[in-house]
Amino acid sequence: MRPLWNALNRLTALLMLVLLAPVILAIAAWIRIADGRGVLFVQDRAGKDGAPFRMLKFRSMVHNSVAMSAQLGIDDPFGLVENDPRITRCGRFLRRTSLDELPQLINVLRGQMNLVGPRPDVLPQVARYSPEDARRLEVKPGITGWAQINGRDDIDWAQRFVLDRWYVDNWSPALDLKILLRTAISLNRDEPPVHVDQINIARQKTVAPSSPSAEVGSGEVSRAA
């Protein structure tokens, strides 16, 4: 069942890329005009079984966001702060509507992601996963997922991992369709609350810190959303 479902995901991504091409091009032009070069944010993320791949997003942060992270004194290098000054004006809109995720349709087309699954995490934090955490890597990551429709930014990381494990244990095509439907009717959201990821901050204190992956030419940092 899964191989057939994965193939259907890729076909659906191709159709969506064709249908949404005008929207994608318009967003790319907006970012280029408003914030300069570097329309895409490209970052190494962990796929199925932890295999790394280059995840795509529209850039939503300023080019010097890595340097600004240090200036802001953010303990978690992949975290956000209230009214984060690193996020651009168009970036706030793109994040709020989830339009920044549209380039990930290319990742789905390449077979690196599915439309639905646990959100792909950054490699330095995956390296610190416990065996229980790593269960979320048993399936392909997704553009949206069970945790995203059951709280998303309103819940902390520990709860998200619990929801991701539930998804892995209870996966079915019907569940994926339910998640896609609920995602479609809840795309426009208010500014999300900030949850400091205390789990990974604690782990970083016992492991030498790794440099966050950055967008080519932009220095943007990002954690799974």
C-alpha atoms as a PDB file:
ATOM      1  CA  MET A   1       0.000   0.000   0.000  1.00  0.00           C
ATOM      2  CA  ARG A   2       2.744   2.486   0.929  1.00  0.00           C
ATOM      3  CA  PRO A   3       4.671   2.258  -2.396  1.00  0.00           C
ATOM      4  CA  LEU A   4       1.465   2.972  -4.317  1.00  0.00           C
ATOM      5  CA  TRP A   5       0.586   5.825  -1.935  1.00  0.00           C
ATOM      6  CA  ASN A   6       4.080   7.289  -2.295  1.00  0.00           C
ATOM      7  CA  ALA A   7       3.730   7.222  -6.099  1.00  0.00           C
ATOM      8  CA  LEU A   8       0.350   8.951  -5.811  1.00  0.00           C
ATOM      9  CA  ASN A   9       1.970  11.626  -3.625  1.00  0.00           C
ATOM     10  CA  ARG A  10       4.532  12.329  -6.343  1.00  0.00           C
ATOM     11  CA  LEU A  11       1.865  12.528  -9.046  1.00  0.00           C
ATOM     12  CA  THR A  12      -0.225  14.878  -6.903  1.00  0.00           C
ATOM     13  CA  ALA A  13       2.824  17.084  -6.272  1.00  0.00           C
ATOM     14  CA  LEU A  14       3.456  17.334 -10.013  1.00  0.00           C
ATOM     15  CA  LEU A  15      -0.134  18.384 -10.670  1.00  0.00           C
ATOM     16  CA  MET A  16      -0.021  20.935  -7.837  1.00  0.00           C
ATOM     17  CA  LEU A  17       3.223  22.419  -9.142  1.00  0.00           C
ATOM     18  CA  VAL A  18       1.624  22.909 -12.554  1.00  0.00           C
ATOM     19  CA  LEU A  19      -1.610  24.379 -11.167  1.00  0.00           C
ATOM     20  CA  LEU A  20       0.117  26.601  -8.606  1.00  0.00           C
ATOM     21  CA  ALA A  21       2.917  27.770 -10.902  1.00  0.00           C
ATOM     22  CA  PRO A  22       1.500  31.336 -11.174  1.00  0.00           C
ATOM     23  CA  VAL A  23       1.282  31.604  -7.366  1.00  0.00           C
ATOM     24  CA  ILE A  24       4.789  30.218  -6.895  1.00  0.00           C
ATOM     25  CA  LEU A  25       6.252  32.610  -9.464  1.00  0.00           C
ATOM     26  CA  ALA A  26       4.404  35.555  -7.917  1.00  0.00           C
ATOM     27  CA  ILE A  27       5.756  34.759  -4.443  1.00  0.00           C
ATOM     28  CA  ALA A  28       9.281  34.355  -5.809  1.00  0.00           C
ATOM     29  CA  ALA A  29       9.033  37.750  -7.513  1.00  0.00           C
ATOM     30  CA  TRP A  30       7.671  39.359  -4.332  1.00  0.00           C
ATOM     31  CA  ILE A  31      10.571  38.066  -2.213  1.00  0.00           C
ATOM     32  CA  ARG A  32      13.117  39.111  -4.855  1.00  0.00           C
ATOM     33  CA  ILE A  33      11.710  42.643  -5.080  1.00  0.00           C
ATOM     34  CA  ALA A  34      11.132  43.124  -1.346  1.00  0.00           C
ATOM     35  CA  ASP A  35      14.187  41.388   0.122  1.00  0.00           C
ATOM     36  CA  GLY A  36      16.731  40.948  -2.647  1.00  0.00           C
ATOM     37  CA  ARG A  37      18.543  37.875  -3.869  1.00  0.00           C
ATOM     38  CA  GLY A  38      18.047  34.453  -2.331  1.00  0.00           C
ATOM     39  CA  VAL A  39      14.411  33.565  -2.950  1.00  0.00           C
ATOM     40  CA  LEU A  40      14.747  29.997  -1.712  1.00  0.00           C
ATOM     41  CA  PHE A  41      15.856  28.717   1.661  1.00  0.00           C
ATOM     42  CA  VAL A  42      17.741  25.433   1.240  1.00  0.00           C
ATOM     43  CA  GLN A  43      18.646  23.387   4.309  1.00  0.00           C
ATOM     44  CA  ASP A  44      19.783  19.851   5.093  1.00  0.00           C
ATOM     45  CA  ARG A  45      17.012  17.943   6.859  1.00  0.00           C
ATOM     46  CA  ALA A  46      16.543  14.341   7.953  1.00  0.00           C
ATOM     47  CA  GLY A  47      14.331  12.166   5.757  1.00  0.00           C
ATOM     48  CA  LYS A  48      13.148   8.605   6.186  1.00  0.00           C
ATOM     49  CA  ASP A  49      15.515   6.601   8.384  1.00  0.00           C
ATOM     50  CA  GLY A  50      17.470   9.810   8.972  1.00  0.00           C
ATOM     51  CA  ALA A  51      18.792  10.048   5.392  1.00  0.00           C
ATOM     52  CA  PRO A  52      19.726  13.702   4.712  1.00  0.00           C
ATOM     53  CA  PHE A  53      18.162  15.666   1.879  1.00  0.00           C
ATOM     54  CA  ARG A  54      18.032  19.308   0.822  1.00  0.00           C
ATOM     55  CA  MET A  55      14.673  20.723   1.876  1.00  0.00           C
ATOM     56  CA  LEU A  56      13.305  23.753   0.039  1.00  0.00           C
ATOM     57  CA  LYS A  57      11.275  26.677   1.371  1.00  0.00           C
ATOM     58  CA  PHE A  58      10.684  30.255   0.380  1.00  0.00           C
ATOM     59  CA  ARG A  59      13.060  32.494   2.335  1.00  0.00           C
ATOM     60  CA  SER A  60      11.278  34.238   5.193  1.00  0.00           C
ATOM     61  CA  MET A  61      14.218  35.603   7.208  1.00  0.00           C
ATOM     62  CA  VAL A  62      16.790  38.338   6.683  1.00  0.00           C
ATOM     63  CA  HIS A  63      20.153  37.384   5.194  1.00  0.00           C
ATOM     64  CA  ASN A  64      22.129  37.895   8.418  1.00  0.00           C
ATOM     65  CA  SER A  65      19.760  35.930  10.653  1.00  0.00           C
ATOM     66  CA  VAL A  66      22.549  33.640  11.921  1.00  0.00           C
ATOM     67  CA  ALA A  67      24.519  36.612  13.257  1.00  0.00           C
ATOM     68  CA  MET A  68      21.335  38.106  14.673  1.00  0.00           C
ATOM     69  CA  SER A  69      20.614  34.857  16.546  1.00  0.00           C
ATOM     70  CA  ALA A  70      23.816  35.334  18.545  1.00  0.00           C
ATOM     71  CA  GLN A  71      23.032  38.999  19.148  1.00  0.00           C
ATOM     72  CA  LEU A  72      19.555  38.089  20.425  1.00  0.00           C
ATOM     73  CA  GLY A  73      21.043  35.529  22.818  1.00  0.00           C
ATOM     74  CA  ILE A  74      18.875  32.657  21.584  1.00  0.00           C
ATOM     75  CA  ASP A  75      19.866  29.454  23.406  1.00  0.00           C
ATOM     76  CA  ASP A  76      18.367  27.193  20.744  1.00  0.00           C
ATOM     77  CA  PRO A  77      20.035  28.146  17.421  1.00  0.00           C
ATOM     78  CA  PHE A  78      17.001  26.796  15.554  1.00  0.00           C
ATOM     79  CA  GLY A  79      14.420  28.578  17.706  1.00  0.00           C
ATOM     80  CA  LEU A  80      12.338  31.726  17.371  1.00  0.00           C
ATOM     81  CA  VAL A  81      11.547  34.598  19.725  1.00  0.00           C
ATOM     82  CA  GLU A  82       8.464  36.763  20.208  1.00  0.00           C
ATOM     83  CA  ASN A  83       8.071  39.275  17.361  1.00  0.00           C
ATOM     84  CA  ASP A  84      11.234  37.833  15.843  1.00  0.00           C
ATOM     85  CA  PRO A  85      13.116  40.681  14.070  1.00  0.00           C
ATOM     86  CA  ARG A  86      14.827  38.176  11.774  1.00  0.00           C
ATOM     87  CA  ILE A  87      11.554  37.442   9.949  1.00  0.00           C
ATOM     88  CA  THR A  88      10.870  39.704   6.966  1.00  0.00           C
ATOM     89  CA  ARG A  89       7.550  41.421   6.291  1.00  0.00           C
ATOM     90  CA  CYS A  90       6.663  39.088   3.451  1.00  0.00           C
ATOM     91  CA  GLY A  91       8.076  36.225   5.512  1.00  0.00           C
ATOM     92  CA  ARG A  92       5.491  36.809   8.240  1.00  0.00           C
ATOM     93  CA  PHE A  93       2.691  36.505   5.714  1.00  0.00           C
ATOM     94  CA  LEU A  94       4.216  33.425   4.087  1.00  0.00           C
ATOM     95  CA  ARG A  95       4.700  31.683   7.439  1.00  0.00           C
ATOM     96  CA  ARG A  96       1.224  32.578   8.672  1.00  0.00           C
ATOM     97  CA  THR A  97      -0.391  31.152   5.524  1.00  0.00           C
ATOM     98  CA  SER A  98       2.141  28.290   5.131  1.00  0.00           C
ATOM     99  CA  LEU A  99       2.858  29.460   1.579  1.00  0.00           C
ATOM    100  CA  ASP A 100       6.568  29.335   2.421  1.00  0.00           C
ATOM    101  CA  GLU A 101       6.250  25.533   2.249  1.00  0.00           C
ATOM    102  CA  LEU A 102       5.162  25.422  -1.417  1.00  0.00           C
ATOM    103  CA  PRO A 103       8.672  24.656  -2.798  1.00  0.00           C
ATOM    104  CA  GLN A 104       8.562  21.403  -0.836  1.00  0.00           C
ATOM    105  CA  LEU A 105       6.273  20.072  -3.562  1.00  0.00           C
ATOM    106  CA  ILE A 106       9.559  19.657  -5.444  1.00  0.00           C
ATOM    107  CA  ASN A 107      10.874  17.524  -2.555  1.00  0.00           C
ATOM    108  CA  VAL A 108       7.715  15.397  -2.806  1.00  0.00           C
ATOM    109  CA  LEU A 109       8.167  15.063  -6.567  1.00  0.00           C
ATOM    110  CA  ARG A 110      11.749  13.908  -5.977  1.00  0.00           C
ATOM    111  CA  GLY A 111      10.508  11.243  -3.548  1.00  0.00           C
ATOM    112  CA  GLN A 112      12.250  12.814  -0.539  1.00  0.00           C
ATOM    113  CA  MET A 113       9.022  13.789   1.223  1.00  0.00           C
ATOM    114  CA  ASN A 114       5.303  13.037   1.134  1.00  0.00           C
ATOM    115  CA  LEU A 115       2.453  15.489   1.374  1.00  0.00           C
ATOM    116  CA  VAL A 116       1.751  14.177   4.887  1.00  0.00           C
ATOM    117  CA  GLY A 117       4.206  12.987   7.524  1.00  0.00           C
ATOM    118  CA  PRO A 118       6.243  14.222  10.503  1.00  0.00           C
ATOM    119  CA  ARG A 119       7.915  17.543   9.727  1.00  0.00           C
ATOM    120  CA  PRO A 120      11.593  17.022   8.759  1.00  0.00           C
ATOM    121  CA  ASP A 121      13.984  18.093  11.516  1.00  0.00           C
ATOM    122  CA  VAL A 122      17.462  19.594  11.209  1.00  0.00           C
ATOM    123  CA  LEU A 123      20.391  17.169  11.272  1.00  0.00           C
ATOM    124  CA  PRO A 124      22.159  18.405  14.439  1.00  0.00           C
ATOM    125  CA  GLN A 125      19.022  17.837  16.470  1.00  0.00           C
ATOM    126  CA  VAL A 126      18.238  14.470  14.870  1.00  0.00           C
ATOM    127  CA  ALA A 127      21.718  13.388  15.970  1.00  0.00           C
ATOM    128  CA  ARG A 128      20.557  13.969  19.559  1.00  0.00           C
ATOM    129  CA  TYR A 129      17.309  11.998  19.235  1.00  0.00           C
ATOM    130  CA  SER A 130      16.543   9.305  21.767  1.00  0.00           C
ATOM    131  CA  PRO A 131      15.476   5.917  20.311  1.00  0.00           C
ATOM    132  CA  GLU A 132      11.873   6.910  21.061  1.00  0.00           C
ATOM    133  CA  ASP A 133      12.264  10.237  19.260  1.00  0.00           C
ATOM    134  CA  ALA A 134      13.777   8.466  16.246  1.00  0.00           C
ATOM    135  CA  ARG A 135      10.545   6.554  15.631  1.00  0.00           C
ATOM    136  CA  ARG A 136       9.258   9.589  13.737  1.00  0.00           C
ATOM    137  CA  LEU A 137      11.944   8.825  11.129  1.00  0.00           C
ATOM    138  CA  GLU A 138      10.327   5.490  10.213  1.00  0.00           C
ATOM    139  CA  VAL A 139       8.247   7.202   7.525  1.00  0.00           C
ATOM    140  CA  LYS A 140       8.928   9.939   4.991  1.00  0.00           C
ATOM    141  CA  PRO A 141       8.581  13.468   6.354  1.00  0.00           C
ATOM    142  CA  GLY A 142       5.691  15.581   5.151  1.00  0.00           C
ATOM    143  CA  ILE A 143       4.701  19.122   4.259  1.00  0.00           C
ATOM    144  CA  THR A 144       1.933  18.817   6.844  1.00  0.00           C
ATOM    145  CA  GLY A 145       1.263  16.229   9.499  1.00  0.00           C
ATOM    146  CA  TRP A 146      -0.764  14.985  12.446  1.00  0.00           C
ATOM    147  CA  ALA A 147       1.048  17.299  14.865  1.00  0.00           C
ATOM    148  CA  GLN A 148       0.424  20.275  12.557  1.00  0.00           C
ATOM    149  CA  ILE A 149      -3.366  19.857  12.631  1.00  0.00           C
ATOM    150  CA  ASN A 150      -3.429  19.089  16.360  1.00  0.00           C
ATOM    151  CA  GLY A 151      -1.795  22.196  17.719  1.00  0.00           C
ATOM    152  CA  ARG A 152       1.169  22.956  15.496  1.00  0.00           C
ATOM    153  CA  ASP A 153       2.852  25.966  17.143  1.00  0.00           C
ATOM    154  CA  ASP A 154       0.460  25.887  20.116  1.00  0.00           C
ATOM    155  CA  ILE A 155       2.122  22.737  21.515  1.00  0.00           C
ATOM    156  CA  ASP A 156       5.683  22.117  22.649  1.00  0.00           C
ATOM    157  CA  TRP A 157       8.203  19.811  20.990  1.00  0.00           C
ATOM    158  CA  ALA A 158       7.673  16.905  23.383  1.00  0.00           C
ATOM    159  CA  GLN A 159       3.970  16.823  22.496  1.00  0.00           C
ATOM    160  CA  ARG A 160       4.732  17.054  18.787  1.00  0.00           C
ATOM    161  CA  PHE A 161       6.965  14.004  19.002  1.00  0.00           C
ATOM    162  CA  VAL A 162       4.200  12.054  20.788  1.00  0.00           C
ATOM    163  CA  LEU A 163       1.769  12.976  18.002  1.00  0.00           C
ATOM    164  CA  ASP A 164       4.309  12.013  15.338  1.00  0.00           C
ATOM    165  CA  ARG A 165       4.744   8.579  16.910  1.00  0.00           C
ATOM    166  CA  TRP A 166       0.960   8.148  16.984  1.00  0.00           C
ATOM    167  CA  TYR A 167       0.868   8.953  13.272  1.00  0.00           C
ATOM    168  CA  VAL A 168       3.558   6.361  12.502  1.00  0.00           C
ATOM    169  CA  ASP A 169       1.627   3.692  14.424  1.00  0.00           C
ATOM    170  CA  ASN A 170      -1.768   4.541  12.940  1.00  0.00           C
ATOM    171  CA  TRP A 171      -0.952   5.523   9.360  1.00  0.00           C
ATOM    172  CA  SER A 172      -3.475   4.900   6.611  1.00  0.00           C
ATOM    173  CA  PRO A 173      -4.416   6.646   3.344  1.00  0.00           C
ATOM    174  CA  ALA A 174      -7.667   7.730   5.012  1.00  0.00           C
ATOM    175  CA  LEU A 175      -5.713   9.396   7.828  1.00  0.00           C
ATOM    176  CA  ASP A 176      -3.535  11.251   5.302  1.00  0.00           C
ATOM    177  CA  LEU A 177      -6.635  12.510   3.476  1.00  0.00           C
ATOM    178  CA  LYS A 178      -8.120  13.681   6.777  1.00  0.00           C
ATOM    179  CA  ILE A 179      -4.912  15.586   7.596  1.00  0.00           C
ATOM    180  CA  LEU A 180      -4.816  17.206   4.142  1.00  0.00           C
ATOM    181  CA  LEU A 181      -8.436  18.333   4.459  1.00  0.00           C
ATOM    182  CA  ARG A 182      -7.933  19.816   7.922  1.00  0.00           C
ATOM    183  CA  THR A 183      -4.751  21.519   6.720  1.00  0.00           C
ATOM    184  CA  ALA A 184      -6.529  23.103   3.771  1.00  0.00           C
ATOM    185  CA  ILE A 185      -9.229  24.692   5.961  1.00  0.00           C
ATOM    186  CA  SER A 186      -6.791  26.078   8.530  1.00  0.00           C
ATOM    187  CA  LEU A 187      -3.992  27.596   6.449  1.00  0.00           C
ATOM    188  CA  ASN A 188      -4.463  31.218   7.526  1.00  0.00           C
ATOM    189  CA  ARG A 189      -3.479  31.486  11.187  1.00  0.00           C
ATOM    190  CA  ASP A 190      -2.519  34.158  13.685  1.00  0.00           C
ATOM    191  CA  GLU A 191       1.071  34.842  14.693  1.00  0.00           C
ATOM    192  CA  PRO A 192       2.089  31.594  16.437  1.00  0.00           C
ATOM    193  CA  PRO A 193       3.241  31.526  20.055  1.00  0.00           C
ATOM    194  CA  VAL A 194       6.895  30.806  20.722  1.00  0.00           C
ATOM    195  CA  HIS A 195       7.788  27.561  22.480  1.00  0.00           C
ATOM    196  CA  VAL A 196      11.404  27.286  23.584  1.00  0.00           C
ATOM    197  CA  ASP A 197      12.681  23.786  22.826  1.00  0.00           C
ATOM    198  CA  GLN A 198      14.074  22.952  26.259  1.00  0.00           C
ATOM    199  CA  ILE A 199      14.649  19.305  25.273  1.00  0.00           C
ATOM    200  CA  ASN A 200      17.243  20.106  22.634  1.00  0.00           C
ATOM    201  CA  ILE A 201      18.734  22.999  24.572  1.00  0.00           C
ATOM    202  CA  ALA A 202      19.458  20.543  27.384  1.00  0.00           C
ATOM    203  CA  ARG A 203      21.008  18.078  24.943  1.00  0.00           C
ATOM    204  CA  GLN A 204      23.189  20.777  23.404  1.00  0.00           C
ATOM    205  CA  LYS A 205      24.766  21.418  26.804  1.00  0.00           C
ATOM    206  CA  THR A 206      26.107  17.866  26.835  1.00  0.00           C
ATOM    207  CA  VAL A 207      27.204  17.748  23.186  1.00  0.00           C
ATOM    208  CA  ALA A 208      29.531  20.101  21.318  1.00  0.00           C
ATOM    209  CA  PRO A 209      27.314  22.510  19.371  1.00  0.00           C
ATOM    210  CA  SER A 210      27.016  22.045  15.633  1.00  0.00           C
ATOM    211  CA  SER A 211      26.825  24.883  13.158  1.00  0.00           C
ATOM    212  CA  PRO A 212      23.253  25.296  11.898  1.00  0.00           C
ATOM    213  CA  SER A 213      22.640  24.592   8.250  1.00  0.00           C
ATOM    214  CA  ALA A 214      22.100  27.823   6.369  1.00  0.00           C
ATOM    215  CA  GLU A 215      20.514  28.926   3.159  1.00  0.00           C
ATOM    216  CA  VAL A 216      23.054  29.391   0.418  1.00  0.00           C
ATOM    217  CA  GLY A 217      23.932  33.064   0.493  1.00  0.00           C
ATOM    218  CA  SER A 218      21.417  34.039   3.186  1.00  0.00           C
ATOM    219  CA  GLY A 219      22.454  32.752   6.585  1.00  0.00           C
ATOM    220  CA  GLU A 220      18.870  31.955   7.538  1.00  0.00           C
ATOM    221  CA  VAL A 221      18.323  29.340  10.240  1.00  0.00           C
ATOM    222  CA  SER A 222      15.214  27.272  10.724  1.00  0.00           C
ATOM    223  CA  ARG A 223      13.850  24.354  12.697  1.00  0.00           C
ATOM    224  CA  ALA A 224      11.006  22.058  11.645  1.00  0.00           C
ATOM    225  CA  ALA A 225       7.674  23.892  11.820  1.00  0.00           C
END
